[in-house]
Protein backbone atom coordinates (compact mmCIF):
# COMPACT_ATOMS: atom_id res chain seq x y z
CA UNK A 1 -337.03 -16.79 78.82
CA UNK A 2 -340.11 -19.02 79.12
CA UNK A 3 -340.83 -21.05 81.99
CA UNK A 4 -341.74 -24.32 79.81
CA UNK A 5 -338.13 -22.98 77.51
CA UNK A 6 -336.63 -23.77 81.03
CA UNK A 7 -337.92 -27.23 81.68
CA UNK A 8 -337.90 -28.39 78.49
CA UNK A 9 -333.56 -27.16 78.68
CA UNK A 10 -333.25 -28.64 82.37
CA UNK A 11 -334.68 -32.14 81.30
CA UNK A 12 -332.76 -31.82 78.31
CA UNK A 13 -329.16 -31.48 80.31
CA UNK A 14 -329.83 -33.72 83.10
CA UNK A 15 -331.08 -36.43 80.83
CA UNK A 16 -327.14 -35.92 78.97
CA UNK A 17 -325.42 -35.47 82.28
CA UNK A 18 -326.92 -38.87 83.12
CA UNK A 19 -325.86 -40.41 80.13
CA UNK A 20 -322.05 -38.71 80.35
CA UNK A 21 -322.17 -40.37 83.95
CA UNK A 22 -323.52 -43.40 83.59
CA UNK A 23 -319.84 -43.47 80.59
CA UNK A 24 -318.14 -42.30 82.66
CA UNK A 25 -318.71 -45.10 85.50
CA UNK A 26 -318.12 -47.67 82.06
CA UNK A 27 -315.48 -46.54 80.47
CA UNK A 28 -312.75 -43.64 82.28
CA UNK A 29 -311.87 -40.89 80.47
CA UNK A 30 -314.42 -41.97 77.65
CA UNK A 31 -312.28 -44.75 76.00
CA UNK A 32 -312.68 -48.52 75.37
CA UNK A 33 -311.10 -50.39 78.34
CA UNK A 34 -307.87 -51.41 78.59
CA UNK A 35 -307.22 -48.45 76.80
CA UNK A 36 -305.18 -46.61 79.87
CA UNK A 37 -303.59 -49.69 80.78
CA UNK A 38 -302.45 -49.97 77.26
CA UNK A 39 -301.33 -46.58 76.64
CA UNK A 40 -299.68 -46.62 80.49
CA UNK A 41 -297.26 -49.67 79.18
CA UNK A 42 -296.70 -48.21 75.65
CA UNK A 43 -295.36 -45.43 77.39
CA UNK A 44 -292.76 -47.55 79.83
CA UNK A 45 -292.50 -50.29 76.87
CA UNK A 46 -290.92 -46.96 75.10
CA UNK A 47 -288.17 -44.99 77.66
CA UNK A 48 -286.64 -48.63 78.68
CA UNK A 49 -286.30 -49.24 74.74
CA UNK A 50 -285.12 -45.80 74.85
CA UNK A 51 -283.00 -45.93 77.80
CA UNK A 52 -281.13 -49.47 76.22
CA UNK A 53 -280.84 -48.05 73.30
CA UNK A 54 -278.96 -44.91 74.41
CA UNK A 55 -276.89 -47.55 76.76
CA UNK A 56 -278.17 -46.51 79.39
CA UNK A 57 -279.22 -48.84 82.96
CA UNK A 58 -282.38 -49.73 83.24
CA UNK A 59 -283.13 -50.58 87.76
CA UNK A 60 -284.45 -53.55 88.31
CA UNK A 61 -287.31 -51.65 89.49
CA UNK A 62 -288.44 -50.58 86.49
CA UNK A 63 -288.74 -53.88 84.11
CA UNK A 64 -290.43 -55.51 87.45
CA UNK A 65 -293.07 -52.75 87.19
CA UNK A 66 -293.54 -52.94 83.35
CA UNK A 67 -293.87 -56.86 83.99
CA UNK A 68 -296.04 -56.79 86.69
CA UNK A 69 -298.12 -53.99 84.05
CA UNK A 70 -298.29 -56.22 81.18
CA UNK A 71 -299.43 -59.39 83.99
CA UNK A 72 -302.41 -56.91 84.69
CA UNK A 73 -302.76 -56.01 81.68
CA UNK A 74 -303.59 -59.30 79.87
CA UNK A 75 -305.02 -60.44 83.35
CA UNK A 76 -307.85 -57.73 83.41
CA UNK A 77 -308.25 -58.93 79.74
CA UNK A 78 -308.65 -62.25 80.80
CA UNK A 79 -311.17 -61.55 83.32
CA UNK A 80 -313.49 -59.44 81.06
CA UNK A 81 -313.51 -62.37 78.45
CA UNK A 82 -314.45 -65.06 81.81
CA UNK A 83 -316.96 -62.63 82.77
CA UNK A 84 -318.73 -62.23 78.54
CA UNK A 85 -318.30 -66.10 78.73
CA UNK A 86 -320.59 -66.46 81.99
CA UNK A 87 -322.86 -63.65 80.96
CA UNK A 88 -323.95 -66.32 78.07
């Protein structure tokens, strides 16, 4: 490969990596903000519903964690909305 091709390829790869790193910082796992929290809440909600359906006891700690996660999710959304209003 010629030096010119190597130089161009290196610049393209560096540019792509820079874009990916910036995207990864802003959006973890390349998902919109809040998606990871939503997935965690849905999983825990499914666990609680299945446990109750099978007539298993759901520990108080699990319910407390679940309620805290819901508060964390909506609290994060509220904070994001306030930041957007302040920017305008």
